[in-house]
C-alpha atoms as a PDB file:
ATOM      1  CA  MET A   1      23.305  19.830  35.991  1.00  0.00           C
ATOM      2  CA  SER A   2      24.760  19.424  32.495  1.00  0.00           C
ATOM      3  CA  ASP A   3      24.096  21.364  29.310  1.00  0.00           C
ATOM      4  CA  HIS A   4      25.279  18.465  27.135  1.00  0.00           C
ATOM      5  CA  PRO A   5      22.407  17.380  24.812  1.00  0.00           C
ATOM      6  CA  LEU A   6      22.799  13.687  25.636  1.00  0.00           C
ATOM      7  CA  VAL A   7      22.724  14.138  29.395  1.00  0.00           C
ATOM      8  CA  PRO A   8      19.329  14.670  31.035  1.00  0.00           C
ATOM      9  CA  SER A   9      18.848  17.932  32.862  1.00  0.00           C
ATOM     10  CA  ASP A  10      16.415  19.217  35.457  1.00  0.00           C
ATOM     11  CA  ARG A  11      14.687  21.405  32.876  1.00  0.00           C
ATOM     12  CA  THR A  12      11.434  20.121  31.485  1.00  0.00           C
ATOM     13  CA  SER A  13      11.252  19.646  27.760  1.00  0.00           C
ATOM     14  CA  SER A  14       8.887  21.803  25.745  1.00  0.00           C
ATOM     15  CA  ARG A  15       8.191  18.798  23.515  1.00  0.00           C
ATOM     16  CA  LYS A  16       5.047  16.791  24.071  1.00  0.00           C
ATOM     17  CA  PRO A  17       5.428  13.100  24.816  1.00  0.00           C
ATOM     18  CA  ARG A  18       5.302  10.985  21.669  1.00  0.00           C
ATOM     19  CA  ILE A  19       2.086   9.025  21.266  1.00  0.00           C
ATOM     20  CA  VAL A  20       2.324   5.884  19.164  1.00  0.00           C
ATOM     21  CA  HIS A  21      -0.829   5.024  17.225  1.00  0.00           C
ATOM     22  CA  SER A  22      -1.638   1.615  15.771  1.00  0.00           C
ATOM     23  CA  GLU A  23      -2.060   1.131  12.035  1.00  0.00           C
ATOM     24  CA  ALA A  24      -5.794   0.733  12.603  1.00  0.00           C
ATOM     25  CA  ARG A  25      -5.911   4.089  14.384  1.00  0.00           C
ATOM     26  CA  TRP A  26      -3.952   5.733  11.546  1.00  0.00           C
ATOM     27  CA  ARG A  27      -6.447   4.278   9.055  1.00  0.00           C
ATOM     28  CA  GLN A  28      -9.246   5.936  11.042  1.00  0.00           C
ATOM     29  CA  LEU A  29      -7.398   9.247  11.211  1.00  0.00           C
ATOM     30  CA  VAL A  30      -6.551   9.246   7.493  1.00  0.00           C
ATOM     31  CA  ALA A  31     -10.138   8.360   6.542  1.00  0.00           C
ATOM     32  CA  GLN A  32     -11.465  11.064   8.846  1.00  0.00           C
ATOM     33  CA  TYR A  33      -9.069  13.652   7.407  1.00  0.00           C
ATOM     34  CA  GLU A  34      -9.843  12.736   3.792  1.00  0.00           C
ATOM     35  CA  SER A  35     -13.613  12.829   4.328  1.00  0.00           C
ATOM     36  CA  GLY A  36     -13.505  16.156   6.152  1.00  0.00           C
ATOM     37  CA  SER A  37     -12.956  19.725   5.093  1.00  0.00           C
ATOM     38  CA  LEU A  38     -10.258  20.796   7.560  1.00  0.00           C
ATOM     39  CA  THR A  39      -6.835  21.832   6.401  1.00  0.00           C
ATOM     40  CA  GLN A  40      -4.059  19.394   7.195  1.00  0.00           C
ATOM     41  CA  LYS A  41      -2.580  21.793   9.734  1.00  0.00           C
ATOM     42  CA  ILE A  42      -5.825  22.289  11.668  1.00  0.00           C
ATOM     43  CA  PHE A  43      -6.701  18.574  11.550  1.00  0.00           C
ATOM     44  CA  CYS A  44      -3.272  17.659  12.927  1.00  0.00           C
ATOM     45  CA  GLN A  45      -3.519  20.264  15.674  1.00  0.00           C
ATOM     46  CA  GLN A  46      -6.951  19.008  16.731  1.00  0.00           C
ATOM     47  CA  HIS A  47      -5.788  15.386  16.852  1.00  0.00           C
ATOM     48  CA  GLN A  48      -2.353  16.181  18.280  1.00  0.00           C
ATOM     49  CA  ILE A  49      -0.467  14.474  15.460  1.00  0.00           C
ATOM     50  CA  SER A  50       2.335  15.784  13.289  1.00  0.00           C
ATOM     51  CA  MET A  51       1.725  16.798   9.711  1.00  0.00           C
ATOM     52  CA  GLY A  52       4.694  14.664   8.674  1.00  0.00           C
ATOM     53  CA  SER A  53       3.169  11.549  10.241  1.00  0.00           C
ATOM     54  CA  LEU A  54      -0.197  12.152   8.605  1.00  0.00           C
ATOM     55  CA  HIS A  55       1.515  12.608   5.250  1.00  0.00           C
ATOM     56  CA  LYS A  56       3.578   9.441   5.723  1.00  0.00           C
ATOM     57  CA  TRP A  57       0.536   7.289   6.593  1.00  0.00           C
ATOM     58  CA  ARG A  58      -1.587   8.729   3.774  1.00  0.00           C
ATOM     59  CA  LYS A  59       1.194   7.921   1.323  1.00  0.00           C
ATOM     60  CA  ARG A  60       1.616   4.398   2.742  1.00  0.00           C
ATOM     61  CA  PHE A  61      -2.097   3.627   2.454  1.00  0.00           C
ATOM     62  CA  LYS A  62      -2.272   5.036  -1.087  1.00  0.00           C
ATOM     63  CA  GLN A  63       0.665   2.840  -2.180  1.00  0.00           C
ATOM     64  CA  ASN A  64      -0.962  -0.240  -0.692  1.00  0.00           C
ATOM     65  CA  GLU A  65      -4.347   0.328  -2.341  1.00  0.00           C
ATOM     66  CA  GLY A  66      -5.166  -2.649  -4.506  1.00  0.00           C
ATOM     67  CA  MET A  67      -2.258  -4.726  -3.194  1.00  0.00           C
ATOM     68  CA  ASN A  68      -4.723  -7.170  -1.628  1.00  0.00           C
ATOM     69  CA  ASP A  69      -7.065  -7.342  -4.607  1.00  0.00           C
ATOM     70  CA  PHE A  70      -7.004 -10.745  -6.247  1.00  0.00           C
ATOM     71  CA  ILE A  71      -8.229 -11.651  -9.677  1.00  0.00           C
ATOM     72  CA  GLU A  72      -9.469 -15.202  -9.993  1.00  0.00           C
ATOM     73  CA  ILE A  73      -8.413 -16.932 -13.174  1.00  0.00           C
ATOM     74  CA  SER A  74     -10.480 -19.880 -14.254  1.00  0.00           C
ATOM     75  CA  GLN A  75      -9.015 -22.942 -15.918  1.00  0.00           C
ATOM     76  CA  THR A  76     -11.257 -22.528 -18.926  1.00  0.00           C
ATOM     77  CA  ILE A  77      -9.221 -20.703 -21.534  1.00  0.00           C
ATOM     78  CA  VAL A  78     -10.795 -19.795 -24.835  1.00  0.00           C
ATOM     79  CA  PRO A  79      -8.178 -19.184 -27.557  1.00  0.00           C
ATOM     80  CA  THR A  80      -8.544 -15.813 -29.251  1.00  0.00           C
ATOM     81  CA  ASN A  81      -7.015 -17.219 -32.434  1.00  0.00           C
ATOM     82  CA  PRO A  82      -8.634 -20.561 -33.356  1.00  0.00           C
ATOM     83  CA  SER A  83      -5.712 -21.474 -35.647  1.00  0.00           C
ATOM     84  CA  LEU A  84      -3.388 -21.710 -32.606  1.00  0.00           C
ATOM     85  CA  PRO A  85      -3.237 -24.925 -30.538  1.00  0.00           C
ATOM     86  CA  PRO A  86      -5.178 -24.912 -27.234  1.00  0.00           C
ATOM     87  CA  VAL A  87      -3.203 -23.354 -24.393  1.00  0.00           C
ATOM     88  CA  MET A  88      -4.375 -25.751 -21.699  1.00  0.00           C
ATOM     89  CA  GLU A  89      -5.947 -29.178 -21.792  1.00  0.00           C
ATOM     90  CA  GLN A  90      -7.193 -31.153 -18.793  1.00  0.00           C
ATOM     91  CA  ASN A  91      -4.864 -34.136 -19.320  1.00  0.00           C
ATOM     92  CA  ASN A  92      -1.845 -32.169 -20.485  1.00  0.00           C
ATOM     93  CA  SER A  93       0.911 -31.328 -17.985  1.00  0.00           C
ATOM     94  CA  ALA A  94       2.409 -28.694 -20.288  1.00  0.00           C
ATOM     95  CA  TRP A  95       0.920 -25.240 -20.103  1.00  0.00           C
ATOM     96  CA  GLN A  96       1.649 -21.795 -21.423  1.00  0.00           C
ATOM     97  CA  VAL A  97       0.509 -18.402 -20.207  1.00  0.00           C
ATOM     98  CA  GLU A  98       0.990 -15.165 -22.070  1.00  0.00           C
ATOM     99  CA  LEU A  99       0.202 -11.876 -20.397  1.00  0.00           C
ATOM    100  CA  GLU A 100       0.358  -8.560 -22.241  1.00  0.00           C
ATOM    101  CA  LEU A 101       1.537  -5.976 -19.713  1.00  0.00           C
ATOM    102  CA  GLY A 102       1.247  -2.941 -21.951  1.00  0.00           C
ATOM    103  CA  GLN A 103       3.854  -0.718 -23.576  1.00  0.00           C
ATOM    104  CA  GLY A 104       4.925  -3.643 -25.747  1.00  0.00           C
ATOM    105  CA  MET A 105       5.873  -5.905 -22.816  1.00  0.00           C
ATOM    106  CA  VAL A 106       4.680  -9.511 -22.770  1.00  0.00           C
ATOM    107  CA  LEU A 107       5.187 -12.023 -19.956  1.00  0.00           C
ATOM    108  CA  ARG A 108       5.316 -15.647 -21.139  1.00  0.00           C
ATOM    109  CA  VAL A 109       5.297 -18.613 -18.762  1.00  0.00           C
ATOM    110  CA  ARG A 110       5.796 -22.133 -20.079  1.00  0.00           C
ATOM    111  CA  ARG A 111       5.965 -25.442 -18.309  1.00  0.00           C
ATOM    112  CA  ALA A 112       7.640 -28.374 -20.005  1.00  0.00           C
END
């Protein structure tokens, strides 16, 4: 029997076996936690998950919110300033897109 931490011993570990949950299961757990009234500690104890894991998955799902939302842009573009030339014409291979991002930043895309 060895007391070295990397060598297994006959003593049983006080740690519970690690259970790996799927992303779908974590989505269920996070939704259940957020819709309930339990504290994070009690919820984690009842579901036998660590508070750190719950925090990590909640943060991951929050960051990904809206990442899969698409905005459809039609080909019909109405110029806001009629004195400017049309941005896109059906038979014209050149196009220009200007997107105001806020805080004075503008993204311009041109095709020659």
